[in-house]
């Protein structure tokens, strides 16, 4: 099996795992506040990185994002990360 096939299979496993753990169904509606950014980040990581250590680093950031410990966003095709401050979480919970 080629390296490309192995990496592509790993990417698909990670995306399926994210879907299972973060996708909610409510009256036939699929809900996930963070799924688009997480899935697009995983795709970008595997499509633009070939070094396992770098991939692991970015995937840890995606995990932190899904747990609410890190903010991820896109700006002109660049993945931007920002640490979540305690005040940021408190304000979101109030809304």
C-alpha atoms as a PDB file:
ATOM      1  CA  UNK A   1       0.000   0.000   0.000  1.00  0.00           C
ATOM      2  CA  UNK A   2       1.365   3.430  -0.924  1.00  0.00           C
ATOM      3  CA  UNK A   3       2.067   6.179   1.584  1.00  0.00           C
ATOM      4  CA  UNK A   4      -0.691   8.254  -0.057  1.00  0.00           C
ATOM      5  CA  UNK A   5      -3.249   5.464   0.521  1.00  0.00           C
ATOM      6  CA  UNK A   6      -2.223   5.050   4.161  1.00  0.00           C
ATOM      7  CA  UNK A   7      -2.461   8.794   4.826  1.00  0.00           C
ATOM      8  CA  UNK A   8      -5.802   9.054   3.022  1.00  0.00           C
ATOM      9  CA  UNK A   9      -7.207   6.151   5.065  1.00  0.00           C
ATOM     10  CA  UNK A  10      -5.997   7.797   8.290  1.00  0.00           C
ATOM     11  CA  UNK A  11      -7.625  11.087   7.261  1.00  0.00           C
ATOM     12  CA  UNK A  12     -10.945   9.319   6.643  1.00  0.00           C
ATOM     13  CA  UNK A  13     -10.730   7.534  10.029  1.00  0.00           C
ATOM     14  CA  UNK A  14     -10.184  10.842  11.825  1.00  0.00           C
ATOM     15  CA  UNK A  15     -13.061  12.528   9.997  1.00  0.00           C
ATOM     16  CA  UNK A  16     -15.398   9.610  10.831  1.00  0.00           C
ATOM     17  CA  UNK A  17     -14.336   9.818  14.476  1.00  0.00           C
ATOM     18  CA  UNK A  18     -15.096  13.553  14.554  1.00  0.00           C
ATOM     19  CA  UNK A  19     -18.498  12.918  12.981  1.00  0.00           C
ATOM     20  CA  UNK A  20     -19.361  10.210  15.514  1.00  0.00           C
ATOM     21  CA  UNK A  21     -18.379  12.249  18.542  1.00  0.00           C
ATOM     22  CA  UNK A  22     -19.542  15.737  17.547  1.00  0.00           C
ATOM     23  CA  UNK A  23     -22.528  15.348  15.228  1.00  0.00           C
ATOM     24  CA  UNK A  24     -25.901  15.499  16.947  1.00  0.00           C
ATOM     25  CA  UNK A  25     -29.289  14.636  15.438  1.00  0.00           C
ATOM     26  CA  UNK A  26     -32.418  16.469  16.564  1.00  0.00           C
ATOM     27  CA  UNK A  27     -35.730  15.835  14.762  1.00  0.00           C
ATOM     28  CA  UNK A  28     -33.982  14.851  11.519  1.00  0.00           C
ATOM     29  CA  UNK A  29     -31.643  17.864  11.717  1.00  0.00           C
ATOM     30  CA  UNK A  30     -27.915  17.322  11.908  1.00  0.00           C
ATOM     31  CA  UNK A  31     -26.285  19.724  14.366  1.00  0.00           C
ATOM     32  CA  UNK A  32     -22.640  20.486  14.846  1.00  0.00           C
ATOM     33  CA  UNK A  33     -21.300  23.910  15.640  1.00  0.00           C
ATOM     34  CA  UNK A  34     -17.678  23.052  14.933  1.00  0.00           C
ATOM     35  CA  UNK A  35     -17.854  20.295  12.336  1.00  0.00           C
ATOM     36  CA  UNK A  36     -17.165  22.377   9.222  1.00  0.00           C
ATOM     37  CA  UNK A  37     -13.996  23.963  10.591  1.00  0.00           C
ATOM     38  CA  UNK A  38     -12.753  20.694  12.129  1.00  0.00           C
ATOM     39  CA  UNK A  39     -13.336  18.665   8.952  1.00  0.00           C
ATOM     40  CA  UNK A  40     -11.826  21.298   6.684  1.00  0.00           C
ATOM     41  CA  UNK A  41      -8.818  21.580   9.022  1.00  0.00           C
ATOM     42  CA  UNK A  42      -8.245  17.804   8.924  1.00  0.00           C
ATOM     43  CA  UNK A  43      -8.474  17.823   5.120  1.00  0.00           C
ATOM     44  CA  UNK A  44      -6.039  20.746   4.917  1.00  0.00           C
ATOM     45  CA  UNK A  45      -3.606  19.084   7.349  1.00  0.00           C
ATOM     46  CA  UNK A  46      -3.421  15.856   5.363  1.00  0.00           C
ATOM     47  CA  UNK A  47      -3.408  17.564   1.969  1.00  0.00           C
ATOM     48  CA  UNK A  48      -0.627  20.027   2.859  1.00  0.00           C
ATOM     49  CA  UNK A  49       1.581  18.180   5.328  1.00  0.00           C
ATOM     50  CA  UNK A  50       3.616  15.052   4.818  1.00  0.00           C
ATOM     51  CA  UNK A  51       5.509  14.877   8.103  1.00  0.00           C
ATOM     52  CA  UNK A  52       3.850  12.743  10.824  1.00  0.00           C
ATOM     53  CA  UNK A  53       5.038  14.973  13.695  1.00  0.00           C
ATOM     54  CA  UNK A  54       3.553  18.071  12.062  1.00  0.00           C
ATOM     55  CA  UNK A  55       0.301  16.223  11.357  1.00  0.00           C
ATOM     56  CA  UNK A  56       0.084  15.141  15.024  1.00  0.00           C
ATOM     57  CA  UNK A  57       0.689  18.726  16.162  1.00  0.00           C
ATOM     58  CA  UNK A  58      -2.130  20.077  14.009  1.00  0.00           C
ATOM     59  CA  UNK A  59      -4.486  17.247  14.988  1.00  0.00           C
ATOM     60  CA  UNK A  60      -3.915  18.096  18.653  1.00  0.00           C
ATOM     61  CA  UNK A  61      -5.033  21.630  17.805  1.00  0.00           C
ATOM     62  CA  UNK A  62      -8.201  20.253  16.183  1.00  0.00           C
ATOM     63  CA  UNK A  63      -8.875  18.222  19.357  1.00  0.00           C
ATOM     64  CA  UNK A  64      -8.419  21.350  21.482  1.00  0.00           C
ATOM     65  CA  UNK A  65     -10.788  23.226  19.166  1.00  0.00           C
ATOM     66  CA  UNK A  66     -13.461  20.552  19.527  1.00  0.00           C
ATOM     67  CA  UNK A  67     -13.073  20.673  23.325  1.00  0.00           C
ATOM     68  CA  UNK A  68     -13.403  24.466  23.314  1.00  0.00           C
ATOM     69  CA  UNK A  69      -9.821  25.073  24.424  1.00  0.00           C
ATOM     70  CA  UNK A  70      -8.701  26.713  21.173  1.00  0.00           C
ATOM     71  CA  UNK A  71     -10.359  28.811  18.473  1.00  0.00           C
ATOM     72  CA  UNK A  72      -9.744  27.834  14.853  1.00  0.00           C
ATOM     73  CA  UNK A  73     -10.816  29.823  11.831  1.00  0.00           C
ATOM     74  CA  UNK A  74      -9.896  30.358   8.203  1.00  0.00           C
ATOM     75  CA  UNK A  75      -8.509  33.547   6.699  1.00  0.00           C
ATOM     76  CA  UNK A  76      -7.616  33.577   2.998  1.00  0.00           C
ATOM     77  CA  UNK A  77      -6.883  29.842   2.980  1.00  0.00           C
ATOM     78  CA  UNK A  78      -4.750  29.965   6.123  1.00  0.00           C
ATOM     79  CA  UNK A  79      -5.764  28.112   9.277  1.00  0.00           C
ATOM     80  CA  UNK A  80      -5.679  30.570  12.185  1.00  0.00           C
ATOM     81  CA  UNK A  81      -5.539  29.429  15.804  1.00  0.00           C
ATOM     82  CA  UNK A  82      -6.129  31.462  18.915  1.00  0.00           C
ATOM     83  CA  UNK A  83      -6.051  30.416  22.549  1.00  0.00           C
ATOM     84  CA  UNK A  84      -9.373  30.686  24.340  1.00  0.00           C
ATOM     85  CA  UNK A  85      -9.361  33.011  27.298  1.00  0.00           C
ATOM     86  CA  UNK A  86     -11.470  32.194  30.353  1.00  0.00           C
ATOM     87  CA  UNK A  87     -13.547  35.309  29.668  1.00  0.00           C
ATOM     88  CA  UNK A  88     -14.285  34.126  26.104  1.00  0.00           C
ATOM     89  CA  UNK A  89     -15.787  30.885  27.404  1.00  0.00           C
ATOM     90  CA  UNK A  90     -17.780  32.664  30.098  1.00  0.00           C
ATOM     91  CA  UNK A  91     -19.273  35.109  27.584  1.00  0.00           C
ATOM     92  CA  UNK A  92     -20.264  32.306  25.194  1.00  0.00           C
ATOM     93  CA  UNK A  93     -21.970  30.360  27.976  1.00  0.00           C
ATOM     94  CA  UNK A  94     -24.019  33.422  28.939  1.00  0.00           C
ATOM     95  CA  UNK A  95     -25.519  33.747  25.439  1.00  0.00           C
END
